[in-house]
């Protein structure tokens, strides 16, 4: 599932072509990705001007005038693509929603598995929805001290804690594993057992890996593409995620895969010893 770096890359790619454009309608091909009545949403989208494109956690937020927010969660295989009539590339093979734009082009939500969700929210609904998510890990409120204090209140394994969007918004399995390896913390470590020095290492590692992944336009393992249809280039730089059996890039150890919480975790047992 696309995480913060992938969502941020898509947002940056959509700002220039979308801001100032006017949505002239909505063509619904597959209504199961859309919250609410398709006809009502389609009618409500007409003539709305796009004023900004931002992100909250893993979600892309398109600001519409008058006040409304189109919130897009890409799910497992969703893509949000901007296309013009002169685009030479093949058209999307699995479009679910098409937003025609004035003066030209269209915003297309493409999703093979259709696990994504699109919501049209009022400002009050958006505020309530956004308040349920944790702090942005690249934001000013996500400090090492705040992370240490929040971890101290939980006995959940730290990898599971990082995946909980109510705790931190935007981190998924790829970057949780990568940050924990950099910090030298075993993914199954109970969160409350991470002392302040380890929390500071984890804080630095989270921010570093997310910033590097944003610069690389995210990680493409299968479905993710940027708003222009490009693959992200961070995959070759992954240290442990998906690399079980490979040599650890930091020590003579070997990367292992374990499963807990119904999710795979990747680690170097030499760099990240399991707590006793």
Protein backbone atom coordinates (compact mmCIF):
# COMPACT_ATOMS: atom_id res chain seq x y z
CA UNK A 1 0.00 0.00 0.00
CA UNK A 2 1.36 3.46 -0.85
CA UNK A 3 2.73 5.19 2.23
CA UNK A 4 3.67 8.78 3.04
CA UNK A 5 6.49 9.15 0.46
CA UNK A 6 4.32 7.81 -2.35
CA UNK A 7 1.34 9.99 -1.40
CA UNK A 8 3.60 13.04 -1.07
CA UNK A 9 5.13 12.36 -4.50
CA UNK A 10 1.68 12.15 -6.09
CA UNK A 11 0.62 15.39 -4.37
CA UNK A 12 3.68 17.22 -5.70
CA UNK A 13 3.03 15.88 -9.18
CA UNK A 14 -0.61 16.98 -9.18
CA UNK A 15 -0.27 20.52 -7.84
CA UNK A 16 0.86 22.27 -11.02
CA UNK A 17 -1.67 20.70 -13.41
CA UNK A 18 -4.63 20.73 -11.02
CA UNK A 19 -4.55 23.95 -8.98
CA UNK A 20 -6.73 26.50 -10.71
CA UNK A 21 -8.48 23.95 -12.92
CA UNK A 22 -12.22 23.45 -12.63
CA UNK A 23 -13.85 20.04 -12.25
CA UNK A 24 -16.70 19.82 -14.74
CA UNK A 25 -18.24 16.58 -13.52
CA UNK A 26 -17.56 13.00 -12.56
CA UNK A 27 -17.82 9.83 -14.64
CA UNK A 28 -18.34 6.85 -12.37
CA UNK A 29 -17.17 3.57 -13.85
CA UNK A 30 -16.94 1.60 -10.61
CA UNK A 31 -18.97 3.06 -7.76
CA UNK A 32 -17.57 0.70 -5.10
CA UNK A 33 -14.54 2.96 -4.58
CA UNK A 34 -16.73 5.99 -3.85
CA UNK A 35 -18.33 6.82 -0.51
CA UNK A 36 -21.87 8.15 -0.89
CA UNK A 37 -24.40 8.08 -3.69
CA UNK A 38 -22.56 8.31 -7.05
CA UNK A 39 -25.17 10.55 -8.63
CA UNK A 40 -25.15 12.98 -5.70
CA UNK A 41 -21.37 13.13 -5.60
CA UNK A 42 -21.15 13.59 -9.37
CA UNK A 43 -23.64 16.46 -9.28
CA UNK A 44 -21.83 18.04 -6.32
CA UNK A 45 -18.48 17.95 -8.17
CA UNK A 46 -19.65 20.07 -11.10
CA UNK A 47 -17.98 23.46 -11.61
CA UNK A 48 -15.82 23.19 -8.48
CA UNK A 49 -12.42 24.86 -8.80
CA UNK A 50 -9.37 23.11 -7.33
CA UNK A 51 -7.56 25.45 -4.94
CA UNK A 52 -4.88 23.18 -3.43
CA UNK A 53 -3.57 19.62 -3.31
CA UNK A 54 -2.19 18.41 0.02
CA UNK A 55 -1.66 15.23 2.00
CA UNK A 56 -2.76 13.84 5.37
CA UNK A 57 -0.95 10.66 6.31
CA UNK A 58 -1.23 8.25 3.36
CA UNK A 59 -4.16 10.19 1.90
CA UNK A 60 -4.23 12.70 -0.94
CA UNK A 61 -6.45 15.70 -0.23
CA UNK A 62 -7.81 17.83 -3.09
CA UNK A 63 -9.24 21.15 -1.88
CA UNK A 64 -12.30 22.32 -3.79
CA UNK A 65 -14.10 25.67 -3.97
CA UNK A 66 -16.53 26.30 -2.39
CA UNK A 67 -15.24 24.61 0.75
CA UNK A 68 -14.96 20.85 0.29
CA UNK A 69 -12.24 18.22 0.40
CA UNK A 70 -11.88 15.23 -1.89
CA UNK A 71 -9.94 12.65 0.14
CA UNK A 72 -8.30 9.82 -1.81
CA UNK A 73 -6.88 6.72 -0.17
CA UNK A 74 -5.16 4.60 -2.82
CA UNK A 75 -5.59 1.27 -1.07
CA UNK A 76 -3.42 -1.55 -2.39
CA UNK A 77 -3.31 -0.75 -6.10
CA UNK A 78 -4.86 2.69 -6.65
CA UNK A 79 -3.30 5.35 -8.85
CA UNK A 80 -4.27 8.98 -9.29
CA UNK A 81 -3.23 10.14 -12.75
CA UNK A 82 -3.48 13.44 -14.59
CA UNK A 83 -3.85 13.05 -18.35
CA UNK A 84 -4.17 15.51 -21.20
CA UNK A 85 -5.52 14.88 -24.68
CA UNK A 86 -1.95 15.01 -26.00
CA UNK A 87 -0.63 12.35 -23.61
CA UNK A 88 1.15 9.75 -25.82
CA UNK A 89 1.17 6.99 -23.20
CA UNK A 90 -1.45 4.21 -23.23
CA UNK A 91 -4.62 5.10 -21.29
CA UNK A 92 -5.19 3.52 -17.85
CA UNK A 93 -6.46 -0.03 -18.12
CA UNK A 94 -8.62 -0.05 -14.97
CA UNK A 95 -10.16 3.42 -14.51
CA UNK A 96 -12.76 3.64 -11.75
CA UNK A 97 -13.50 7.39 -11.66
CA UNK A 98 -12.83 10.12 -14.21
CA UNK A 99 -12.94 13.82 -13.27
CA UNK A 100 -13.01 15.94 -16.49
CA UNK A 101 -11.21 19.25 -16.07
CA UNK A 102 -11.61 22.71 -17.55
CA UNK A 103 -9.72 24.03 -19.43
CA UNK A 104 -8.28 20.65 -20.48
CA UNK A 105 -7.50 17.12 -19.40
CA UNK A 106 -8.84 14.80 -16.74
CA UNK A 107 -7.97 13.40 -13.34
CA UNK A 108 -8.34 9.61 -13.37
CA UNK A 109 -8.58 7.28 -10.41
CA UNK A 110 -7.26 3.90 -11.59
CA UNK A 111 -7.48 0.82 -9.35
CA UNK A 112 -7.05 -2.82 -10.36
CA UNK A 113 -8.23 -4.30 -7.05
CA UNK A 114 -10.52 -1.42 -6.09
CA UNK A 115 -9.55 -1.39 -2.42
CA UNK A 116 -9.11 2.39 -2.43
CA UNK A 117 -11.65 4.87 -1.03
CA UNK A 118 -12.65 8.33 -2.25
CA UNK A 119 -14.70 10.64 -0.04
CA UNK A 120 -16.12 14.13 -0.65
CA UNK A 121 -16.15 15.85 2.75
CA UNK A 122 -17.36 19.17 4.09
CA UNK A 123 -14.80 21.21 6.08
CA UNK A 124 -16.37 20.00 9.34
CA UNK A 125 -16.30 16.37 8.21
CA UNK A 126 -12.72 16.72 7.07
CA UNK A 127 -11.62 18.23 10.38
CA UNK A 128 -13.24 15.38 12.29
CA UNK A 129 -11.69 12.77 9.98
CA UNK A 130 -8.21 14.31 10.12
CA UNK A 131 -8.30 14.62 13.92
CA UNK A 132 -8.48 10.83 14.23
CA UNK A 133 -5.03 10.46 12.65
CA UNK A 134 -1.76 10.78 14.54
CA UNK A 135 0.89 13.45 13.99
CA UNK A 136 2.71 13.81 10.69
CA UNK A 137 6.16 12.21 11.11
CA UNK A 138 7.82 14.97 9.09
CA UNK A 139 5.92 17.71 10.92
CA UNK A 140 7.07 19.98 13.73
CA UNK A 141 4.88 18.29 16.36
CA UNK A 142 6.53 14.91 15.85
CA UNK A 143 9.50 15.32 18.18
CA UNK A 144 11.74 12.70 19.76
CA UNK A 145 10.35 13.57 23.19
CA UNK A 146 6.76 13.23 21.98
CA UNK A 147 7.58 9.89 20.37
CA UNK A 148 9.24 8.56 23.53
CA UNK A 149 6.29 9.63 25.67
CA UNK A 150 3.74 8.07 23.30
CA UNK A 151 5.68 4.80 23.08
CA UNK A 152 5.86 4.58 26.87
CA UNK A 153 2.07 4.26 27.04
CA UNK A 154 1.84 1.10 24.92
CA UNK A 155 2.87 -2.54 25.25
CA UNK A 156 2.28 -3.24 21.55
CA UNK A 157 5.24 -4.40 19.45
CA UNK A 158 6.86 -1.28 18.09
CA UNK A 159 6.38 -2.28 14.44
CA UNK A 160 2.64 -2.69 15.10
CA UNK A 161 2.60 0.63 16.95
CA UNK A 162 4.18 2.43 13.99
CA UNK A 163 1.59 0.98 11.61
CA UNK A 164 -1.31 2.32 13.69
CA UNK A 165 -2.35 5.50 11.85
CA UNK A 166 -3.85 6.85 15.08
CA UNK A 167 -0.33 6.91 16.55
CA UNK A 168 1.62 8.24 13.57
CA UNK A 169 0.08 9.15 10.22
CA UNK A 170 1.67 7.89 7.03
CA UNK A 171 4.04 5.10 8.05
CA UNK A 172 3.41 1.65 6.60
CA UNK A 173 5.23 -1.66 6.67
CA UNK A 174 8.02 -0.73 4.27
CA UNK A 175 9.28 2.35 6.08
CA UNK A 176 8.57 0.99 9.58
CA UNK A 177 10.91 -1.92 8.88
CA UNK A 178 13.53 0.33 7.34
CA UNK A 179 13.46 2.83 10.23
CA UNK A 180 13.67 0.10 12.88
CA UNK A 181 16.71 -1.42 11.17
CA UNK A 182 18.47 1.94 11.07
CA UNK A 183 17.67 2.48 14.73
CA UNK A 184 18.83 -1.02 15.74
CA UNK A 185 15.46 -1.93 17.28
CA UNK A 186 13.82 -5.34 16.89
CA UNK A 187 10.30 -5.02 15.39
CA UNK A 188 8.78 -7.11 18.20
CA UNK A 189 10.18 -4.90 20.98
CA UNK A 190 7.34 -3.79 23.29
CA UNK A 191 6.92 -0.08 22.71
CA UNK A 192 7.13 0.79 26.41
CA UNK A 193 10.58 -0.84 26.61
CA UNK A 194 12.09 1.64 24.16
CA UNK A 195 14.03 4.07 26.33
CA UNK A 196 14.56 7.76 25.44
CA UNK A 197 17.95 7.22 23.69
CA UNK A 198 16.44 4.47 21.51
CA UNK A 199 13.39 6.64 20.84
CA UNK A 200 15.70 9.43 19.65
CA UNK A 201 17.42 7.00 17.27
CA UNK A 202 14.06 5.83 16.00
CA UNK A 203 12.84 9.40 15.54
CA UNK A 204 15.93 10.28 13.48
CA UNK A 205 15.61 7.09 11.45
CA UNK A 206 11.92 7.60 10.65
CA UNK A 207 12.47 11.11 9.40
CA UNK A 208 15.61 10.20 7.46
CA UNK A 209 14.11 7.25 5.61
CA UNK A 210 10.91 9.13 4.78
CA UNK A 211 12.82 12.14 3.44
CA UNK A 212 15.09 9.95 1.33
CA UNK A 213 12.11 8.06 -0.06
CA UNK A 214 10.29 11.30 -0.94
CA UNK A 215 13.40 12.49 -2.80
CA UNK A 216 13.42 9.19 -4.72
CA UNK A 217 9.70 9.57 -5.61
CA UNK A 218 8.75 6.60 -3.42
CA UNK A 219 9.07 2.83 -3.68
CA UNK A 220 7.59 0.85 -6.55
CA UNK A 221 7.34 -2.85 -5.76
CA UNK A 222 4.31 -3.61 -7.93
CA UNK A 223 1.48 -1.14 -8.55
CA UNK A 224 2.57 2.30 -7.33
CA UNK A 225 3.17 5.00 -9.94
CA UNK A 226 3.57 8.76 -9.68
CA UNK A 227 0.87 11.11 -11.01
CA UNK A 228 2.74 11.08 -14.34
CA UNK A 229 2.88 7.27 -14.47
CA UNK A 230 6.53 6.87 -13.46
CA UNK A 231 7.88 4.28 -11.05
CA UNK A 232 9.49 5.37 -7.77
CA UNK A 233 13.23 4.76 -7.50
CA UNK A 234 13.70 3.97 -3.80
CA UNK A 235 13.36 0.15 -4.02
CA UNK A 236 17.08 -0.50 -4.71
CA UNK A 237 17.94 1.44 -1.55
CA UNK A 238 15.83 -0.68 0.80
CA UNK A 239 18.06 -2.20 3.47
CA UNK A 240 15.87 -4.97 4.86
CA UNK A 241 12.32 -4.85 3.50
CA UNK A 242 11.80 -7.77 1.11
CA UNK A 243 15.48 -8.72 1.34
CA UNK A 244 15.27 -11.87 3.49
CA UNK A 245 18.33 -14.06 2.92
CA UNK A 246 20.46 -11.11 1.75
CA UNK A 247 23.46 -9.77 3.63
CA UNK A 248 22.82 -6.98 6.09
CA UNK A 249 24.21 -3.72 4.65
CA UNK A 250 25.56 -2.73 8.07
CA UNK A 251 27.09 -5.89 9.54
CA UNK A 252 28.00 -9.51 8.63
CA UNK A 253 24.49 -10.66 9.55
CA UNK A 254 21.74 -11.96 7.25
CA UNK A 255 18.34 -10.34 6.83
CA UNK A 256 15.49 -12.49 8.15
CA UNK A 257 11.74 -12.44 7.66
CA UNK A 258 9.38 -13.06 10.56
CA UNK A 259 5.60 -12.84 10.72
CA UNK A 260 3.51 -11.37 13.52
CA UNK A 261 0.31 -9.38 13.57
CA UNK A 262 -0.46 -11.04 10.20
CA UNK A 263 2.29 -8.99 8.58
CA UNK A 264 5.83 -9.78 7.50
CA UNK A 265 8.66 -7.99 9.25
CA UNK A 266 12.26 -7.86 8.04
CA UNK A 267 15.28 -7.43 10.28
CA UNK A 268 18.89 -8.28 10.90
CA UNK A 269 19.01 -10.33 14.14
CA UNK A 270 22.60 -9.24 14.69
CA UNK A 271 21.88 -5.50 14.41
CA UNK A 272 18.43 -5.78 15.96
CA UNK A 273 18.59 -8.37 18.76
CA UNK A 274 15.22 -9.49 20.09
CA UNK A 275 14.64 -8.23 23.64
CA UNK A 276 14.73 -10.90 26.34
